[in-house]
Amino acid sequence: PCYKGDSGGYSVGYDSYDLFDLGEFDQKGGVATKYGDKQQLLAATEALRSHNVGVLLDVVLNHKMGADEKETISVNRVNPDNRDEIYDEVVECEAWT
């Protein structure tokens, strides 16, 4: 995966830290990922597409590595048997972010 991992520029991406950081933000020891920064990623995918090579970017949504701190957030409770069914009750909880 091309996003920022917990071990920064050394990560191969399976220790997900920030799924939205494609090498744009200074966090976890640097800006670039192991594979470069966002502009390099976009240039590489465009070069491949210009030669009719399809590009798929790998995302591992269920791998999360730690967090930096806890914060209080508001959440809605959901039906545990049907997560599309949201209960009206909003509660506060602490989450690692």
PDB file of N, CA and C in Angstrom:
ATOM      1  N   PRO A   1       0.817  -1.207   0.000  1.00  0.00           N
ATOM      2  CA  PRO A   1       0.000   0.000   0.000  1.00  0.00           C
ATOM      3  C   PRO A   1       0.855   1.263   0.000  1.00  0.00           C
ATOM      4  N   CYS A   2       0.337   2.300  -0.591  1.00  0.00           N
ATOM      5  CA  CYS A   2       1.136   3.513  -0.801  1.00  0.00           C
ATOM      6  C   CYS A   2       0.926   4.572   0.273  1.00  0.00           C
ATOM      7  N   TYR A   3       0.143   4.306   1.287  1.00  0.00           N
ATOM      8  CA  TYR A   3      -0.104   5.324   2.312  1.00  0.00           C
ATOM      9  C   TYR A   3       0.894   5.208   3.465  1.00  0.00           C
ATOM     10  N   LYS A   4       0.836   6.194   4.373  1.00  0.00           N
ATOM     11  CA  LYS A   4       1.793   6.287   5.476  1.00  0.00           C
ATOM     12  C   LYS A   4       1.575   5.173   6.483  1.00  0.00           C
ATOM     13  N   GLY A   5       2.654   4.450   6.766  1.00  0.00           N
ATOM     14  CA  GLY A   5       2.633   3.398   7.780  1.00  0.00           C
ATOM     15  C   GLY A   5       3.217   3.902   9.086  1.00  0.00           C
ATOM     16  N   ASP A   6       3.040   3.120  10.121  1.00  0.00           N
ATOM     17  CA  ASP A   6       3.491   3.512  11.455  1.00  0.00           C
ATOM     18  C   ASP A   6       5.005   3.679  11.531  1.00  0.00           C
ATOM     19  N   SER A   7       5.746   2.951  10.702  1.00  0.00           N
ATOM     20  CA  SER A   7       7.208   3.086  10.720  1.00  0.00           C
ATOM     21  C   SER A   7       7.699   4.058   9.651  1.00  0.00           C
ATOM     22  N   GLY A   8       6.822   4.982   9.230  1.00  0.00           N
ATOM     23  CA  GLY A   8       7.202   6.068   8.335  1.00  0.00           C
ATOM     24  C   GLY A   8       7.744   5.623   6.998  1.00  0.00           C
ATOM     25  N   GLY A   9       8.873   6.193   6.590  1.00  0.00           N
ATOM     26  CA  GLY A   9       9.468   5.925   5.287  1.00  0.00           C
ATOM     27  C   GLY A   9      10.020   4.527   5.113  1.00  0.00           C
ATOM     28  N   TYR A  10      10.042   3.743   6.179  1.00  0.00           N
ATOM     29  CA  TYR A  10      10.518   2.360   6.084  1.00  0.00           C
ATOM     30  C   TYR A  10       9.368   1.374   5.921  1.00  0.00           C
ATOM     31  N   SER A  11       8.155   1.836   6.094  1.00  0.00           N
ATOM     32  CA  SER A  11       6.988   0.955   6.091  1.00  0.00           C
ATOM     33  C   SER A  11       6.638   0.499   4.682  1.00  0.00           C
ATOM     34  N   VAL A  12       6.282  -0.765   4.547  1.00  0.00           N
ATOM     35  CA  VAL A  12       5.756  -1.257   3.269  1.00  0.00           C
ATOM     36  C   VAL A  12       4.241  -1.072   3.215  1.00  0.00           C
ATOM     37  N   GLY A  13       3.649  -0.498   4.259  1.00  0.00           N
ATOM     38  CA  GLY A  13       2.251  -0.102   4.231  1.00  0.00           C
ATOM     39  C   GLY A  13       1.281  -0.973   4.984  1.00  0.00           C
ATOM     40  N   TYR A  14       1.702  -2.116   5.471  1.00  0.00           N
ATOM     41  CA  TYR A  14       0.759  -3.000   6.150  1.00  0.00           C
ATOM     42  C   TYR A  14       0.639  -2.704   7.642  1.00  0.00           C
ATOM     43  N   ASP A  15       1.363  -1.701   8.115  1.00  0.00           N
ATOM     44  CA  ASP A  15       1.207  -1.204   9.486  1.00  0.00           C
ATOM     45  C   ASP A  15       0.554   0.172   9.394  1.00  0.00           C
ATOM     46  N   SER A  16      -0.659   0.204   8.868  1.00  0.00           N
ATOM     47  CA  SER A  16      -1.358   1.437   8.515  1.00  0.00           C
ATOM     48  C   SER A  16      -1.371   2.446   9.650  1.00  0.00           C
ATOM     49  N   TYR A  17      -0.957   3.670   9.328  1.00  0.00           N
ATOM     50  CA  TYR A  17      -1.037   4.765  10.287  1.00  0.00           C
ATOM     51  C   TYR A  17      -2.050   5.799   9.803  1.00  0.00           C
ATOM     52  N   ASP A  18      -1.899   6.271   8.569  1.00  0.00           N
ATOM     53  CA  ASP A  18      -2.803   7.272   8.013  1.00  0.00           C
ATOM     54  C   ASP A  18      -3.150   6.862   6.590  1.00  0.00           C
ATOM     55  N   LEU A  19      -4.356   6.348   6.400  1.00  0.00           N
ATOM     56  CA  LEU A  19      -4.781   5.863   5.086  1.00  0.00           C
ATOM     57  C   LEU A  19      -4.908   6.975   4.056  1.00  0.00           C
ATOM     58  N   PHE A  20      -4.936   8.229   4.507  1.00  0.00           N
ATOM     59  CA  PHE A  20      -5.116   9.351   3.594  1.00  0.00           C
ATOM     60  C   PHE A  20      -3.819  10.098   3.312  1.00  0.00           C
ATOM     61  N   ASP A  21      -2.717   9.692   3.928  1.00  0.00           N
ATOM     62  CA  ASP A  21      -1.425  10.341   3.700  1.00  0.00           C
ATOM     63  C   ASP A  21      -0.653   9.534   2.663  1.00  0.00           C
ATOM     64  N   LEU A  22      -0.630  10.039   1.449  1.00  0.00           N
ATOM     65  CA  LEU A  22       0.075   9.378   0.348  1.00  0.00           C
ATOM     66  C   LEU A  22       1.466   9.962   0.159  1.00  0.00           C
ATOM     67  N   GLY A  23       2.023  10.520   1.224  1.00  0.00           N
ATOM     68  CA  GLY A  23       3.330  11.154   1.149  1.00  0.00           C
ATOM     69  C   GLY A  23       3.205  12.653   1.025  1.00  0.00           C
ATOM     70  N   GLU A  24       2.290  13.240   1.800  1.00  0.00           N
ATOM     71  CA  GLU A  24       2.047  14.684   1.764  1.00  0.00           C
ATOM     72  C   GLU A  24       2.354  15.379   3.080  1.00  0.00           C
ATOM     73  N   PHE A  25       2.278  14.648   4.183  1.00  0.00           N
ATOM     74  CA  PHE A  25       2.323  15.276   5.500  1.00  0.00           C
ATOM     75  C   PHE A  25       3.540  14.818   6.288  1.00  0.00           C
ATOM     76  N   ASP A  26       4.090  15.735   7.068  1.00  0.00           N
ATOM     77  CA  ASP A  26       5.258  15.428   7.893  1.00  0.00           C
ATOM     78  C   ASP A  26       4.792  14.756   9.173  1.00  0.00           C
ATOM     79  N   GLN A  27       4.786  13.441   9.155  1.00  0.00           N
ATOM     80  CA  GLN A  27       4.415  12.660  10.333  1.00  0.00           C
ATOM     81  C   GLN A  27       5.140  11.325  10.284  1.00  0.00           C
ATOM     82  N   LYS A  28       5.379  10.766  11.449  1.00  0.00           N
ATOM     83  CA  LYS A  28       6.097   9.497  11.590  1.00  0.00           C
ATOM     84  C   LYS A  28       7.499   9.563  10.991  1.00  0.00           C
ATOM     85  N   GLY A  29       8.160  10.705  11.176  1.00  0.00           N
ATOM     86  CA  GLY A  29       9.560  10.826  10.803  1.00  0.00           C
ATOM     87  C   GLY A  29       9.849  11.344   9.413  1.00  0.00           C
ATOM     88  N   GLY A  30       8.840  11.750   8.669  1.00  0.00           N
ATOM     89  CA  GLY A  30       9.107  12.292   7.343  1.00  0.00           C
ATOM     90  C   GLY A  30       7.840  12.511   6.550  1.00  0.00           C
ATOM     91  N   VAL A  31       8.016  13.025   5.341  1.00  0.00           N
ATOM     92  CA  VAL A  31       6.885  13.301   4.465  1.00  0.00           C
ATOM     93  C   VAL A  31       6.618  12.116   3.547  1.00  0.00           C
ATOM     94  N   ALA A  32       7.631  11.671   2.845  1.00  0.00           N
ATOM     95  CA  ALA A  32       7.447  10.608   1.848  1.00  0.00           C
ATOM     96  C   ALA A  32       7.180   9.255   2.503  1.00  0.00           C
ATOM     97  N   THR A  33       6.489   8.398   1.777  1.00  0.00           N
ATOM     98  CA  THR A  33       6.355   7.000   2.172  1.00  0.00           C
ATOM     99  C   THR A  33       7.565   6.261   1.609  1.00  0.00           C
ATOM    100  N   LYS A  34       7.654   4.967   1.831  1.00  0.00           N
ATOM    101  CA  LYS A  34       8.762   4.182   1.278  1.00  0.00           C
ATOM    102  C   LYS A  34       8.813   4.308  -0.246  1.00  0.00           C
ATOM    103  N   TYR A  35       7.662   4.555  -0.846  1.00  0.00           N
ATOM    104  CA  TYR A  35       7.557   4.580  -2.304  1.00  0.00           C
ATOM    105  C   TYR A  35       7.600   5.985  -2.884  1.00  0.00           C
ATOM    106  N   GLY A  36       7.818   7.002  -2.055  1.00  0.00           N
ATOM    107  CA  GLY A  36       7.904   8.370  -2.552  1.00  0.00           C
ATOM    108  C   GLY A  36       6.793   9.243  -1.997  1.00  0.00           C
ATOM    109  N   ASP A  37       6.609  10.405  -2.623  1.00  0.00           N
ATOM    110  CA  ASP A  37       5.562  11.313  -2.167  1.00  0.00           C
ATOM    111  C   ASP A  37       4.361  11.236  -3.112  1.00  0.00           C
ATOM    112  N   LYS A  38       3.323  12.015  -2.814  1.00  0.00           N
ATOM    113  CA  LYS A  38       2.085  11.938  -3.598  1.00  0.00           C
ATOM    114  C   LYS A  38       2.318  12.300  -5.061  1.00  0.00           C
ATOM    115  N   GLN A  39       3.112  13.324  -5.330  1.00  0.00           N
ATOM    116  CA  GLN A  39       3.358  13.728  -6.715  1.00  0.00           C
ATOM    117  C   GLN A  39       4.064  12.623  -7.499  1.00  0.00           C
ATOM    118  N   GLN A  40       5.000  11.939  -6.864  1.00  0.00           N
ATOM    119  CA  GLN A  40       5.683  10.827  -7.532  1.00  0.00           C
ATOM    120  C   GLN A  40       4.712   9.682  -7.807  1.00  0.00           C
ATOM    121  N   LEU A  41       3.814   9.419  -6.872  1.00  0.00           N
ATOM    122  CA  LEU A  41       2.802   8.384  -7.070  1.00  0.00           C
ATOM    123  C   LEU A  41       1.900   8.731  -8.252  1.00  0.00           C
ATOM    124  N   LEU A  42       1.434   9.974  -8.300  1.00  0.00           N
ATOM    125  CA  LEU A  42       0.571  10.398  -9.404  1.00  0.00           C
ATOM    126  C   LEU A  42       1.303  10.347 -10.742  1.00  0.00           C
ATOM    127  N   ALA A  43       2.563  10.757 -10.761  1.00  0.00           N
ATOM    128  CA  ALA A  43       3.354  10.712 -11.999  1.00  0.00           C
ATOM    129  C   ALA A  43       3.559   9.273 -12.466  1.00  0.00           C
ATOM    130  N   ALA A  44       3.834   8.373 -11.533  1.00  0.00           N
ATOM    131  CA  ALA A  44       4.040   6.964 -11.893  1.00  0.00           C
ATOM    132  C   ALA A  44       2.759   6.346 -12.444  1.00  0.00           C
ATOM    133  N   THR A  45       1.625   6.616 -11.797  1.00  0.00           N
ATOM    134  CA  THR A  45       0.372   6.040 -12.290  1.00  0.00           C
ATOM    135  C   THR A  45       0.000   6.631 -13.643  1.00  0.00           C
ATOM    136  N   GLU A  46       0.254   7.915 -13.851  1.00  0.00           N
ATOM    137  CA  GLU A  46      -0.036   8.532 -15.148  1.00  0.00           C
ATOM    138  C   GLU A  46       0.858   7.955 -16.242  1.00  0.00           C
ATOM    139  N   ALA A  47       2.133   7.743 -15.939  1.00  0.00           N
ATOM    140  CA  ALA A  47       3.052   7.151 -16.925  1.00  0.00           C
ATOM    141  C   ALA A  47       2.583   5.754 -17.322  1.00  0.00           C
ATOM    142  N   LEU A  48       2.166   4.968 -16.354  1.00  0.00           N
ATOM    143  CA  LEU A  48       1.667   3.623 -16.662  1.00  0.00           C
ATOM    144  C   LEU A  48       0.395   3.690 -17.490  1.00  0.00           C
ATOM    145  N   ARG A  49      -0.527   4.537 -17.103  1.00  0.00           N
ATOM    146  CA  ARG A  49      -1.794   4.657 -17.839  1.00  0.00           C
ATOM    147  C   ARG A  49      -1.574   5.151 -19.262  1.00  0.00           C
ATOM    148  N   SER A  50      -0.582   6.023 -19.463  1.00  0.00           N
ATOM    149  CA  SER A  50      -0.308   6.531 -20.815  1.00  0.00           C
ATOM    150  C   SER A  50       0.187   5.430 -21.745  1.00  0.00           C
ATOM    151  N   HIS A  51       0.639   4.318 -21.167  1.00  0.00           N
ATOM    152  CA  HIS A  51       1.054   3.149 -21.948  1.00  0.00           C
ATOM    153  C   HIS A  51       0.020   2.026 -21.849  1.00  0.00           C
ATOM    154  N   ASN A  52      -1.216   2.422 -21.537  1.00  0.00           N
ATOM    155  CA  ASN A  52      -2.345   1.486 -21.445  1.00  0.00           C
ATOM    156  C   ASN A  52      -2.142   0.383 -20.413  1.00  0.00           C
ATOM    157  N   VAL A  53      -1.449   0.707 -19.335  1.00  0.00           N
ATOM    158  CA  VAL A  53      -1.287  -0.232 -18.230  1.00  0.00           C
ATOM    159  C   VAL A  53      -2.245   0.204 -17.121  1.00  0.00           C
ATOM    160  N   GLY A  54      -3.131  -0.688 -16.720  1.00  0.00           N
ATOM    161  CA  GLY A  54      -4.061  -0.384 -15.640  1.00  0.00           C
ATOM    162  C   GLY A  54      -3.340  -0.334 -14.306  1.00  0.00           C
ATOM    163  N   VAL A  55      -3.808   0.520 -13.418  1.00  0.00           N
ATOM    164  CA  VAL A  55      -3.184   0.687 -12.106  1.00  0.00           C
ATOM    165  C   VAL A  55      -4.224   0.432 -11.020  1.00  0.00           C
ATOM    166  N   LEU A  56      -3.880  -0.441 -10.086  1.00  0.00           N
ATOM    167  CA  LEU A  56      -4.702  -0.689  -8.903  1.00  0.00           C
ATOM    168  C   LEU A  56      -3.866  -0.355  -7.681  1.00  0.00           C
ATOM    169  N   LEU A  57      -4.407   0.448  -6.794  1.00  0.00           N
ATOM    170  CA  LEU A  57      -3.699   0.786  -5.565  1.00  0.00           C
ATOM    171  C   LEU A  57      -4.259  -0.059  -4.429  1.00  0.00           C
ATOM    172  N   ASP A  58      -3.389  -0.689  -3.687  1.00  0.00           N
ATOM    173  CA  ASP A  58      -3.745  -1.599  -2.607  1.00  0.00           C
ATOM    174  C   ASP A  58      -4.071  -0.821  -1.340  1.00  0.00           C
ATOM    175  N   VAL A  59      -5.185  -1.136  -0.724  1.00  0.00           N
ATOM    176  CA  VAL A  59      -5.580  -0.524   0.539  1.00  0.00           C
ATOM    177  C   VAL A  59      -5.961  -1.637   1.504  1.00  0.00           C
ATOM    178  N   VAL A  60      -5.397  -1.613   2.695  1.00  0.00           N
ATOM    179  CA  VAL A  60      -5.705  -2.622   3.713  1.00  0.00           C
ATOM    180  C   VAL A  60      -6.440  -1.906   4.843  1.00  0.00           C
ATOM    181  N   LEU A  61      -7.769  -1.947   4.802  1.00  0.00           N
ATOM    182  CA  LEU A  61      -8.569  -1.163   5.741  1.00  0.00           C
ATOM    183  C   LEU A  61      -8.618  -1.742   7.148  1.00  0.00           C
ATOM    184  N   ASN A  62      -8.409  -3.028   7.299  1.00  0.00           N
ATOM    185  CA  ASN A  62      -8.547  -3.604   8.635  1.00  0.00           C
ATOM    186  C   ASN A  62      -7.221  -3.771   9.366  1.00  0.00           C
ATOM    187  N   HIS A  63      -6.134  -3.263   8.818  1.00  0.00           N
ATOM    188  CA  HIS A  63      -4.846  -3.285   9.516  1.00  0.00           C
ATOM    189  C   HIS A  63      -4.599  -1.887  10.074  1.00  0.00           C
ATOM    190  N   LYS A  64      -4.583  -1.747  11.366  1.00  0.00           N
ATOM    191  CA  LYS A  64      -4.314  -0.451  11.987  1.00  0.00           C
ATOM    192  C   LYS A  64      -3.231  -0.629  13.033  1.00  0.00           C
ATOM    193  N   MET A  65      -2.245   0.262  13.012  1.00  0.00           N
ATOM    194  CA  MET A  65      -1.129   0.191  13.959  1.00  0.00           C
ATOM    195  C   MET A  65      -1.193   1.361  14.921  1.00  0.00           C
ATOM    196  N   GLY A  66      -1.659   1.107  16.098  1.00  0.00           N
ATOM    197  CA  GLY A  66      -1.581   2.098  17.156  1.00  0.00           C
ATOM    198  C   GLY A  66      -2.163   3.452  16.812  1.00  0.00           C
ATOM    199  N   ALA A  67      -1.836   4.402  17.639  1.00  0.00           N
ATOM    200  CA  ALA A  67      -2.288   5.773  17.475  1.00  0.00           C
ATOM    201  C   ALA A  67      -1.407   6.646  18.352  1.00  0.00           C
ATOM    202  N   ASP A  68      -1.621   7.939  18.302  1.00  0.00           N
ATOM    203  CA  ASP A  68      -0.778   8.857  19.057  1.00  0.00           C
ATOM    204  C   ASP A  68      -1.363   9.256  20.405  1.00  0.00           C
ATOM    205  N   GLU A  69      -2.684   9.422  20.470  1.00  0.00           N
ATOM    206  CA  GLU A  69      -3.300   9.880  21.711  1.00  0.00           C
ATOM    207  C   GLU A  69      -4.787   9.561  21.711  1.00  0.00           C
ATOM    208  N   LYS A  70      -5.395   9.667  22.893  1.00  0.00           N
ATOM    209  CA  LYS A  70      -6.840   9.487  23.020  1.00  0.00           C
ATOM    210  C   LYS A  70      -7.528  10.839  22.907  1.00  0.00           C
ATOM    211  N   GLU A  71      -8.742  10.830  22.352  1.00  0.00           N
ATOM    212  CA  GLU A  71      -9.572  12.018  22.382  1.00  0.00           C
ATOM    213  C   GLU A  71     -11.022  11.586  22.546  1.00  0.00           C
ATOM    214  N   THR A  72     -11.837  12.472  23.077  1.00  0.00           N
ATOM    215  CA  THR A  72     -13.251  12.181  23.272  1.00  0.00           C
ATOM    216  C   THR A  72     -13.992  12.508  21.987  1.00  0.00           C
ATOM    217  N   ILE A  73     -14.791  11.551  21.513  1.00  0.00           N
ATOM    218  CA  ILE A  73     -15.546  11.740  20.274  1.00  0.00           C
ATOM    219  C   ILE A  73     -17.005  11.371  20.511  1.00  0.00           C
ATOM    220  N   SER A  74     -17.889  11.869  19.652  1.00  0.00           N
ATOM    221  CA  SER A  74     -19.307  11.513  19.689  1.00  0.00           C
ATOM    222  C   SER A  74     -19.557  10.420  18.668  1.00  0.00           C
ATOM    223  N   VAL A  75     -20.312   9.417  19.077  1.00  0.00           N
ATOM    224  CA  VAL A  75     -20.613   8.294  18.185  1.00  0.00           C
ATOM    225  C   VAL A  75     -22.086   7.934  18.305  1.00  0.00           C
ATOM    226  N   ASN A  76     -22.600   7.286  17.279  1.00  0.00           N
ATOM    227  CA  ASN A  76     -23.943   6.723  17.321  1.00  0.00           C
ATOM    228  C   ASN A  76     -23.839   5.236  17.576  1.00  0.00           C
ATOM    229  N   ARG A  77     -24.705   4.730  18.408  1.00  0.00           N
ATOM    230  CA  ARG A  77     -24.763   3.283  18.590  1.00  0.00           C
ATOM    231  C   ARG A  77     -25.464   2.679  17.371  1.00  0.00           C
ATOM    232  N   VAL A  78     -25.045   1.479  17.003  1.00  0.00           N
ATOM    233  CA  VAL A  78     -25.669   0.771  15.886  1.00  0.00           C
ATOM    234  C   VAL A  78     -26.142  -0.590  16.360  1.00  0.00           C
ATOM    235  N   ASN A  79     -27.073  -1.144  15.615  1.00  0.00           N
ATOM    236  CA  ASN A  79     -27.552  -2.488  15.888  1.00  0.00           C
ATOM    237  C   ASN A  79     -26.404  -3.453  15.609  1.00  0.00           C
ATOM    238  N   PRO A  80     -25.967  -4.244  16.589  1.00  0.00           N
ATOM    239  CA  PRO A  80     -24.830  -5.145  16.363  1.00  0.00           C
ATOM    240  C   PRO A  80     -25.100  -6.219  15.310  1.00  0.00           C
ATOM    241  N   ASP A  81     -26.376  -6.476  15.022  1.00  0.00           N
ATOM    242  CA  ASP A  81     -26.717  -7.472  14.002  1.00  0.00           C
ATOM    243  C   ASP A  81     -26.925  -6.852  12.627  1.00  0.00           C
ATOM    244  N   ASN A  82     -27.047  -5.521  12.572  1.00  0.00           N
ATOM    245  CA  ASN A  82     -27.248  -4.820  11.305  1.00  0.00           C
ATOM    246  C   ASN A  82     -26.652  -3.423  11.441  1.00  0.00           C
ATOM    247  N   ARG A  83     -25.413  -3.256  11.036  1.00  0.00           N
ATOM    248  CA  ARG A  83     -24.714  -1.978  11.239  1.00  0.00           C
ATOM    249  C   ARG A  83     -25.279  -0.839  10.407  1.00  0.00           C
ATOM    250  N   ASP A  84     -26.173  -1.148   9.456  1.00  0.00           N
ATOM    251  CA  ASP A  84     -26.847  -0.087   8.710  1.00  0.00           C
ATOM    252  C   ASP A  84     -27.958   0.558   9.538  1.00  0.00           C
ATOM    253  N   GLU A  85     -28.374  -0.095  10.615  1.00  0.00           N
ATOM    254  CA  GLU A  85     -29.423   0.422  11.491  1.00  0.00           C
ATOM    255  C   GLU A  85     -28.780   1.216  12.626  1.00  0.00           C
ATOM    256  N   ILE A  86     -28.911   2.536  12.548  1.00  0.00           N
ATOM    257  CA  ILE A  86     -28.290   3.432  13.525  1.00  0.00           C
ATOM    258  C   ILE A  86     -29.321   3.816  14.570  1.00  0.00           C
ATOM    259  N   TYR A  87     -28.966   3.637  15.831  1.00  0.00           N
ATOM    260  CA  TYR A  87     -29.837   4.064  16.918  1.00  0.00           C
ATOM    261  C   TYR A  87     -29.728   5.574  17.062  1.00  0.00           C
ATOM    262  N   ASP A  88     -30.781   6.210  17.559  1.00  0.00           N
ATOM    263  CA  ASP A  88     -30.810   7.667  17.695  1.00  0.00           C
ATOM    264  C   ASP A  88     -29.845   8.184  18.752  1.00  0.00           C
ATOM    265  N   GLU A  89     -29.528   7.361  19.724  1.00  0.00           N
ATOM    266  CA  GLU A  89     -28.714   7.803  20.851  1.00  0.00           C
ATOM    267  C   GLU A  89     -27.276   8.129  20.427  1.00  0.00           C
ATOM    268  N   VAL A  90     -26.831   9.335  20.753  1.00  0.00           N
ATOM    269  CA  VAL A  90     -25.439   9.729  20.536  1.00  0.00           C
ATOM    270  C   VAL A  90     -24.737   9.656  21.884  1.00  0.00           C
ATOM    271  N   VAL A  91     -23.594   9.002  21.915  1.00  0.00           N
ATOM    272  CA  VAL A  91     -22.832   8.878  23.158  1.00  0.00           C
ATOM    273  C   VAL A  91     -21.407   9.352  22.913  1.00  0.00           C
ATOM    274  N   GLU A  92     -20.734   9.723  23.983  1.00  0.00           N
ATOM    275  CA  GLU A  92     -19.329  10.092  23.888  1.00  0.00           C
ATOM    276  C   GLU A  92     -18.480   8.919  24.336  1.00  0.00           C
ATOM    277  N   CYS A  93     -17.350   8.748  23.680  1.00  0.00           N
ATOM    278  CA  CYS A  93     -16.410   7.712  24.090  1.00  0.00           C
ATOM    279  C   CYS A  93     -14.997   8.204  23.793  1.00  0.00           C
ATOM    280  N   GLU A  94     -14.022   7.531  24.366  1.00  0.00           N
ATOM    281  CA  GLU A  94     -12.634   7.862  24.082  1.00  0.00           C
ATOM    282  C   GLU A  94     -12.133   6.950  22.977  1.00  0.00           C
ATOM    283  N   ALA A  95     -11.447   7.533  22.010  1.00  0.00           N
ATOM    284  CA  ALA A  95     -10.904   6.763  20.896  1.00  0.00           C
ATOM    285  C   ALA A  95      -9.449   7.165  20.679  1.00  0.00           C
ATOM    286  N   TRP A  96      -8.649   6.211  20.278  1.00  0.00           N
ATOM    287  CA  TRP A  96      -7.250   6.492  19.934  1.00  0.00           C
ATOM    288  C   TRP A  96      -7.206   7.057  18.525  1.00  0.00           C
ATOM    289  N   THR A  97      -6.510   8.177  18.362  1.00  0.00           N
ATOM    290  CA  THR A  97      -6.393   8.794  17.034  1.00  0.00           C
ATOM    291  C   THR A  97      -4.950   9.105  16.719  1.00  0.00           C
TER     292      THR A  97
END
